[in-house]
Amino acid sequence: MASGFFRTASRRAFIVGAAFAACGSILGGDALAQDKWPERAVTFIVPFPPGGPVDATARLTTQPLAQLWSVATPIENKAGAGGILGAQAAAKSPADGYHFFFAAIHHSVLPSLKKNLSYDIEKDFVPVGLAARFPIVLVVNPTLPVNTVAELIAYAKANPGKLSFSSSGTGGGTHLAGELFNSMAGTTIQHVPYKGSAPAMQDLVGGQVQVMFADGPSALPFVKAGKIRALGVGNPEPSAFFPGVPTIASSGLPGYEAYSWTGIVAPVGTPQAIVERVNADLVRVLRDPKTAESLIAAGAEPMPDSPAEFKAFISHEIAKWGDIIRRANIKVDD
């Protein structure tokens, strides 16, 4: 089912040709023209510190939106608690069409990890549109005698308890990608959590762990340097970041999909006409060759879609990762 969300979307995402028509014709009405939206700055909350992939995606997409709208589009970084603090602030923002939130994969995972969230990502927000996908790549220490996903599965089953995989932290996207692999492959590769991607990658390179489901930008320089070996990407189709590297699904584990993502949502009650306007302009920006190239250079694959598609995707992600969290009995401190 997951493939359906991105088979068509990914083709659209990388066809960075002609942009949409003018915004007025997209809307097919003059309701917003009468309201003259936007008349002032449109604020976007990012729930992570500056410099990360979600922040970079937000800045690279809101800057051209500012040019389209002729108003400022300030980014407010409200980091903390793995994305919770930003979501809390965004949920309490006015639903006036001037406040939006860059949700991420974390917000589809948190409902199954935290029992007392003060917000509901589905009930307190309305989806505007997916913005970008960040590939996760399965990499191994080169001393491990495997060259394909199928060989890794066979080796793990023949050597139970001998393999471990590192991640940037318990409950994060790279951790869950590994647990999804174990669940689907029937393997028991042991998870070793770290405080961030850098130390997790350092121990993979050093051989303290043998496997990692890494975010693409972190893994790429080490793959190019030959310090680690890439076996497959979690995307439903090959990634431009890792040319020649097959998908995990096509090279030993059919149906496997794991990647990180970010997209825009708005506080519930935001006028639907404004939601549609922002979606149309977001799609226009993501399909612009200059913006698309900037995103790709930053490690983000542009993924334009509709509010309805994004809503279905969020629901699917919540169910998918919730199932993996329950199966692997993943616990985090509240």
Protein backbone atom coordinates (compact mmCIF):
# COMPACT_ATOMS: atom_id res chain seq x y z
CA MET A 1 0.00 0.00 0.00
CA ALA A 2 2.82 2.41 0.83
CA SER A 3 4.16 2.25 -2.70
CA GLY A 4 0.93 3.75 -4.00
CA PHE A 5 1.62 6.99 -2.21
CA PHE A 6 4.91 7.56 -4.01
CA ARG A 7 4.89 5.67 -7.29
CA THR A 8 2.98 8.49 -8.96
CA ALA A 9 4.16 11.27 -6.66
CA SER A 10 7.84 10.57 -7.21
CA ARG A 11 7.42 10.73 -10.96
CA ARG A 12 5.71 14.08 -10.59
CA ALA A 13 8.34 15.27 -8.14
CA PHE A 14 11.24 14.94 -10.52
CA ILE A 15 9.49 16.23 -13.59
CA VAL A 16 10.64 19.74 -12.91
CA GLY A 17 9.41 21.23 -16.16
CA ALA A 18 6.58 23.65 -16.65
CA ALA A 19 5.19 25.16 -13.47
CA PHE A 20 1.54 25.57 -12.65
CA ALA A 21 -0.50 28.40 -14.11
CA ALA A 22 -0.98 31.64 -12.22
CA CYS A 23 -2.38 31.27 -8.72
CA GLY A 24 -5.71 32.88 -9.52
CA SER A 25 -6.50 30.40 -12.27
CA ILE A 26 -5.47 27.53 -10.01
CA LEU A 27 -8.04 28.53 -7.44
CA GLY A 28 -10.82 28.97 -9.95
CA GLY A 29 -12.46 31.68 -7.87
CA ASP A 30 -12.04 35.17 -6.48
CA ALA A 31 -12.72 34.58 -2.78
CA LEU A 32 -9.09 34.98 -1.81
CA ALA A 33 -8.57 37.83 -4.23
CA GLN A 34 -11.32 39.75 -2.42
CA ASP A 35 -9.63 39.03 0.91
CA LYS A 36 -6.24 39.99 -0.57
CA TRP A 37 -4.50 37.08 1.13
CA PRO A 38 -1.75 37.32 2.14
CA GLU A 39 -1.65 40.85 3.45
CA ARG A 40 1.15 40.27 5.96
CA ALA A 41 3.90 37.84 6.88
CA VAL A 42 3.09 34.11 6.79
CA THR A 43 4.88 32.26 9.60
CA PHE A 44 6.16 28.68 9.40
CA ILE A 45 7.11 26.79 12.57
CA VAL A 46 9.91 24.22 12.26
CA PRO A 47 10.17 21.84 15.25
CA PHE A 48 13.94 21.30 14.93
CA PRO A 49 17.08 23.45 15.19
CA PRO A 50 18.48 25.38 12.22
CA GLY A 51 20.71 23.41 9.88
CA GLY A 52 18.93 20.06 9.81
CA PRO A 53 17.14 18.54 6.81
CA VAL A 54 13.65 19.69 7.82
CA ASP A 55 14.89 23.22 8.48
CA ALA A 56 16.77 23.30 5.17
CA THR A 57 13.69 22.09 3.29
CA ALA A 58 11.54 24.72 5.00
CA ARG A 59 13.88 27.53 4.06
CA LEU A 60 14.36 26.38 0.48
CA THR A 61 10.58 26.19 -0.08
CA THR A 62 9.39 29.23 1.86
CA GLN A 63 11.86 31.61 0.24
CA PRO A 64 10.29 31.21 -3.24
CA LEU A 65 6.83 31.30 -1.62
CA ALA A 66 7.76 34.70 -0.20
CA GLN A 67 8.57 35.87 -3.71
CA LEU A 68 5.25 34.55 -5.03
CA TRP A 69 3.25 36.21 -2.27
CA SER A 70 5.30 39.41 -1.93
CA VAL A 71 5.33 39.03 1.86
CA ALA A 72 7.85 37.71 4.38
CA THR A 73 7.73 34.01 5.29
CA PRO A 74 9.66 33.86 8.58
CA ILE A 75 10.79 30.51 9.99
CA GLU A 76 10.36 30.01 13.72
CA ASN A 77 12.56 27.19 15.03
CA LYS A 78 10.83 25.75 18.10
CA ALA A 79 13.01 22.74 18.81
CA GLY A 80 12.78 20.27 21.66
CA ALA A 81 11.43 16.91 22.80
CA GLY A 82 11.91 15.28 19.40
CA GLY A 83 9.52 17.62 17.59
CA ILE A 84 6.86 17.80 20.31
CA LEU A 85 7.43 21.40 21.42
CA GLY A 86 7.10 22.76 17.91
CA ALA A 87 3.92 20.78 17.30
CA GLN A 88 2.44 22.03 20.56
CA ALA A 89 3.14 25.63 19.61
CA ALA A 90 1.77 25.15 16.11
CA ALA A 91 -1.44 23.52 17.36
CA LYS A 92 -2.09 26.59 19.50
CA SER A 93 -1.43 29.03 16.65
CA PRO A 94 -4.32 31.05 15.21
CA ALA A 95 -6.14 29.30 12.38
CA ASP A 96 -6.08 32.47 10.32
CA GLY A 97 -4.10 31.34 7.29
CA TYR A 98 -0.93 33.04 8.50
CA HIS A 99 0.48 30.20 10.59
CA PHE A 100 1.77 26.86 9.26
CA PHE A 101 3.86 23.97 10.55
CA PHE A 102 6.47 21.70 8.97
CA ALA A 103 5.50 18.30 10.33
CA ALA A 104 7.90 15.37 9.90
CA ILE A 105 8.06 11.59 10.18
CA HIS A 106 8.51 12.08 13.94
CA HIS A 107 4.90 13.25 14.21
CA SER A 108 3.62 9.99 12.73
CA VAL A 109 5.75 7.99 15.18
CA LEU A 110 5.13 9.95 18.39
CA PRO A 111 1.45 8.91 18.82
CA SER A 112 2.62 5.33 19.39
CA LEU A 113 5.57 6.28 21.62
CA LYS A 114 4.03 8.94 23.85
CA LYS A 115 0.75 8.40 25.68
CA ASN A 116 0.16 11.96 26.86
CA LEU A 117 0.74 14.19 23.85
CA SER A 118 -0.96 17.54 24.24
CA TYR A 119 -1.86 17.65 20.55
CA ASP A 120 -3.20 15.26 17.91
CA ILE A 121 -1.42 15.46 14.57
CA GLU A 122 -4.56 14.34 12.73
CA LYS A 123 -7.26 16.16 14.70
CA ASP A 124 -5.52 19.44 15.50
CA PHE A 125 -4.10 20.07 12.02
CA VAL A 126 -5.25 20.05 8.41
CA PRO A 127 -2.78 18.72 5.81
CA VAL A 128 -1.56 21.18 3.20
CA GLY A 129 0.96 19.12 1.26
CA LEU A 130 4.01 16.90 1.41
CA ALA A 131 7.21 18.80 0.69
CA ALA A 132 10.16 16.40 0.59
CA ARG A 133 11.39 12.90 1.24
CA PHE A 134 14.83 12.08 2.70
CA PRO A 135 16.19 8.69 1.62
CA ILE A 136 17.32 6.10 4.16
CA VAL A 137 20.08 3.79 2.96
CA LEU A 138 21.11 0.41 4.31
CA VAL A 139 24.89 0.44 4.75
CA VAL A 140 27.36 -2.03 6.23
CA ASN A 141 30.95 -2.06 7.38
CA PRO A 142 33.02 -3.28 4.40
CA THR A 143 34.51 -6.12 6.45
CA LEU A 144 31.08 -7.76 6.59
CA PRO A 145 31.08 -10.49 3.89
CA VAL A 146 27.84 -9.42 2.20
CA ASN A 147 27.23 -7.43 -0.97
CA THR A 148 23.46 -7.55 -1.32
CA VAL A 149 20.37 -7.30 0.86
CA ALA A 150 19.64 -10.99 0.26
CA GLU A 151 23.13 -11.91 1.41
CA LEU A 152 22.75 -9.78 4.55
CA ILE A 153 19.49 -11.53 5.42
CA ALA A 154 21.07 -14.95 4.90
CA TYR A 155 24.14 -14.01 6.96
CA ALA A 156 22.02 -12.60 9.81
CA LYS A 157 19.95 -15.78 9.96
CA ALA A 158 23.04 -18.00 9.87
CA ASN A 159 24.74 -15.94 12.59
CA PRO A 160 22.04 -15.06 15.13
CA GLY A 161 23.12 -12.54 17.75
CA LYS A 162 26.31 -11.56 15.93
CA LEU A 163 25.08 -8.48 14.08
CA SER A 164 24.02 -5.09 15.42
CA PHE A 165 22.77 -1.92 13.75
CA SER A 166 23.32 1.64 14.94
CA SER A 167 20.83 4.49 14.81
CA SER A 168 20.63 8.16 15.77
CA GLY A 169 18.36 7.31 18.72
CA THR A 170 15.55 5.12 19.99
CA GLY A 171 12.27 5.70 18.19
CA GLY A 172 13.79 7.72 15.36
CA GLY A 173 13.32 7.05 11.67
CA THR A 174 16.61 5.18 11.26
CA HIS A 175 15.83 2.97 14.26
CA LEU A 176 12.37 2.12 12.96
CA ALA A 177 13.78 1.41 9.50
CA GLY A 178 15.93 -1.29 11.10
CA GLU A 179 13.07 -2.73 13.11
CA LEU A 180 10.92 -2.83 9.97
CA PHE A 181 13.73 -4.75 8.26
CA ASN A 182 13.93 -7.26 11.13
CA SER A 183 10.16 -7.72 11.13
CA MET A 184 9.90 -8.31 7.40
CA ALA A 185 13.09 -10.36 6.98
CA GLY A 186 12.71 -12.49 10.09
CA THR A 187 16.14 -11.41 11.37
CA THR A 188 17.26 -10.37 14.86
CA ILE A 189 19.89 -7.72 14.16
CA GLN A 190 20.36 -5.97 17.52
CA HIS A 191 19.66 -2.25 17.79
CA VAL A 192 22.31 0.02 19.34
CA PRO A 193 21.05 3.60 19.86
CA TYR A 194 23.35 6.64 19.78
CA LYS A 195 22.85 10.32 20.49
CA GLY A 196 22.83 11.47 16.89
CA SER A 197 23.83 10.26 13.44
CA ALA A 198 27.50 11.25 13.70
CA PRO A 199 28.51 8.88 16.54
CA ALA A 200 26.33 6.13 15.08
CA MET A 201 28.16 6.45 11.76
CA GLN A 202 31.53 6.69 13.48
CA ASP A 203 31.07 3.33 15.18
CA LEU A 204 29.85 1.74 11.95
CA VAL A 205 33.00 2.91 10.17
CA GLY A 206 35.08 1.71 13.11
CA GLY A 207 33.46 -1.72 13.12
CA GLN A 208 31.87 -1.53 16.58
CA VAL A 209 28.57 -2.18 14.81
CA GLN A 210 28.18 -3.84 11.42
CA VAL A 211 24.97 -2.39 9.98
CA MET A 212 23.19 0.97 9.84
CA PHE A 213 20.02 2.32 8.31
CA ALA A 214 21.37 5.82 7.73
CA ASP A 215 19.92 9.03 6.42
CA GLY A 216 21.22 9.67 2.92
CA PRO A 217 23.22 12.89 3.45
CA SER A 218 25.08 11.42 6.45
CA ALA A 219 26.00 8.22 4.62
CA LEU A 220 26.89 9.58 1.19
CA PRO A 221 30.45 10.87 1.85
CA PHE A 222 31.42 7.63 3.60
CA VAL A 223 30.00 5.54 0.76
CA LYS A 224 31.94 7.60 -1.79
CA ALA A 225 35.11 7.22 0.28
CA GLY A 226 34.67 3.44 0.41
CA LYS A 227 34.50 3.43 4.21
CA ILE A 228 31.06 1.78 4.19
CA ARG A 229 29.15 -0.24 1.60
CA ALA A 230 25.63 0.66 0.46
CA LEU A 231 23.37 -2.36 -0.08
CA GLY A 232 20.01 -0.72 -0.79
CA VAL A 233 17.82 2.34 -0.38
CA GLY A 234 14.48 2.38 1.42
CA ASN A 235 12.72 4.37 -1.30
CA PRO A 236 10.15 2.60 -3.47
CA GLU A 237 12.37 3.44 -6.45
CA PRO A 238 16.14 4.02 -6.84
CA SER A 239 17.47 7.28 -5.43
CA ALA A 240 19.44 9.85 -7.39
CA PHE A 241 21.69 10.23 -4.34
CA PHE A 242 22.98 6.67 -4.68
CA PRO A 243 23.25 5.86 -8.39
CA GLY A 244 23.57 2.16 -9.04
CA VAL A 245 22.31 1.21 -5.57
CA PRO A 246 19.09 -0.86 -5.82
CA THR A 247 16.09 -0.54 -3.59
CA ILE A 248 15.91 -2.82 -0.58
CA ALA A 249 12.58 -4.04 -1.91
CA SER A 250 14.04 -5.13 -5.26
CA SER A 251 17.17 -6.75 -3.90
CA GLY A 252 15.98 -9.16 -1.25
CA LEU A 253 13.04 -7.82 0.73
CA PRO A 254 9.94 -7.21 -1.44
CA GLY A 255 7.57 -4.54 -0.12
CA TYR A 256 10.10 -2.81 2.12
CA GLU A 257 9.85 1.00 2.32
CA ALA A 258 11.45 3.37 4.82
CA TYR A 259 12.37 7.04 4.42
CA SER A 260 12.05 10.27 6.34
CA TRP A 261 9.83 13.13 5.18
CA THR A 262 8.46 16.58 5.93
CA GLY A 263 5.35 18.44 4.82
CA ILE A 264 3.20 21.43 5.67
CA VAL A 265 0.12 21.34 7.88
CA ALA A 266 -2.02 24.15 9.30
CA PRO A 267 -4.00 24.56 12.54
CA VAL A 268 -7.45 23.01 12.24
CA GLY A 269 -9.97 25.63 11.20
CA THR A 270 -7.68 27.31 8.69
CA PRO A 271 -9.88 28.40 5.74
CA GLN A 272 -9.96 25.69 3.09
CA ALA A 273 -9.46 28.22 0.31
CA ILE A 274 -6.16 29.27 1.88
CA VAL A 275 -5.11 25.64 2.36
CA GLU A 276 -5.72 25.03 -1.35
CA ARG A 277 -3.88 28.22 -2.28
CA VAL A 278 -0.82 27.31 -0.24
CA ASN A 279 -0.85 23.77 -1.64
CA ALA A 280 -1.04 25.02 -5.21
CA ASP A 281 1.85 27.40 -4.65
CA LEU A 282 3.88 24.77 -2.80
CA VAL A 283 3.48 22.37 -5.72
CA ARG A 284 4.45 25.15 -8.11
CA VAL A 285 7.60 25.87 -6.09
CA LEU A 286 8.58 22.19 -5.76
CA ARG A 287 8.25 21.72 -9.52
CA ASP A 288 10.41 24.75 -10.28
CA PRO A 289 13.79 23.51 -11.56
CA LYS A 290 15.82 25.95 -9.46
CA THR A 291 14.09 25.02 -6.20
CA ALA A 292 14.14 21.31 -7.01
CA GLU A 293 17.88 21.40 -7.69
CA SER A 294 18.51 23.24 -4.42
CA LEU A 295 16.49 20.69 -2.47
CA ILE A 296 18.24 17.75 -4.12
CA ALA A 297 21.64 19.30 -3.35
CA ALA A 298 20.56 19.53 0.30
CA GLY A 299 19.59 15.84 0.39
CA ALA A 300 15.84 16.29 -0.04
CA GLU A 301 13.75 14.81 -2.83
CA PRO A 302 10.84 17.14 -3.73
CA MET A 303 7.50 15.35 -3.38
CA PRO A 304 4.53 17.54 -4.41
CA ASP A 305 1.05 16.17 -3.73
CA SER A 306 -2.47 17.29 -2.77
CA PRO A 307 -3.95 17.89 0.70
CA ALA A 308 -6.03 14.72 0.36
CA GLU A 309 -3.00 12.63 -0.63
CA PHE A 310 -0.97 14.04 2.24
CA LYS A 311 -3.78 13.30 4.71
CA ALA A 312 -3.93 9.67 3.57
CA PHE A 313 -0.15 9.41 3.74
CA ILE A 314 0.01 10.69 7.34
CA SER A 315 -2.66 8.21 8.42
CA HIS A 316 -0.81 5.39 6.70
CA GLU A 317 2.49 6.34 8.34
CA ILE A 318 0.90 6.45 11.81
CA ALA A 319 -0.55 2.96 11.36
CA LYS A 320 2.62 1.53 9.78
CA TRP A 321 5.05 2.73 12.44
CA GLY A 322 2.61 2.06 15.26
CA ASP A 323 2.52 -1.58 14.24
CA ILE A 324 6.33 -1.80 14.16
CA ILE A 325 6.64 -0.08 17.55
CA ARG A 326 4.24 -2.58 19.11
CA ARG A 327 5.92 -5.59 17.48
CA ALA A 328 9.40 -4.51 18.55
CA ASN A 329 8.13 -3.37 21.97
CA ILE A 330 9.92 -0.04 21.61
CA LYS A 331 9.75 2.14 24.71
CA VAL A 332 10.97 5.67 25.38
CA ASP A 333 10.90 7.77 28.52
CA ASP A 334 7.82 10.01 28.77
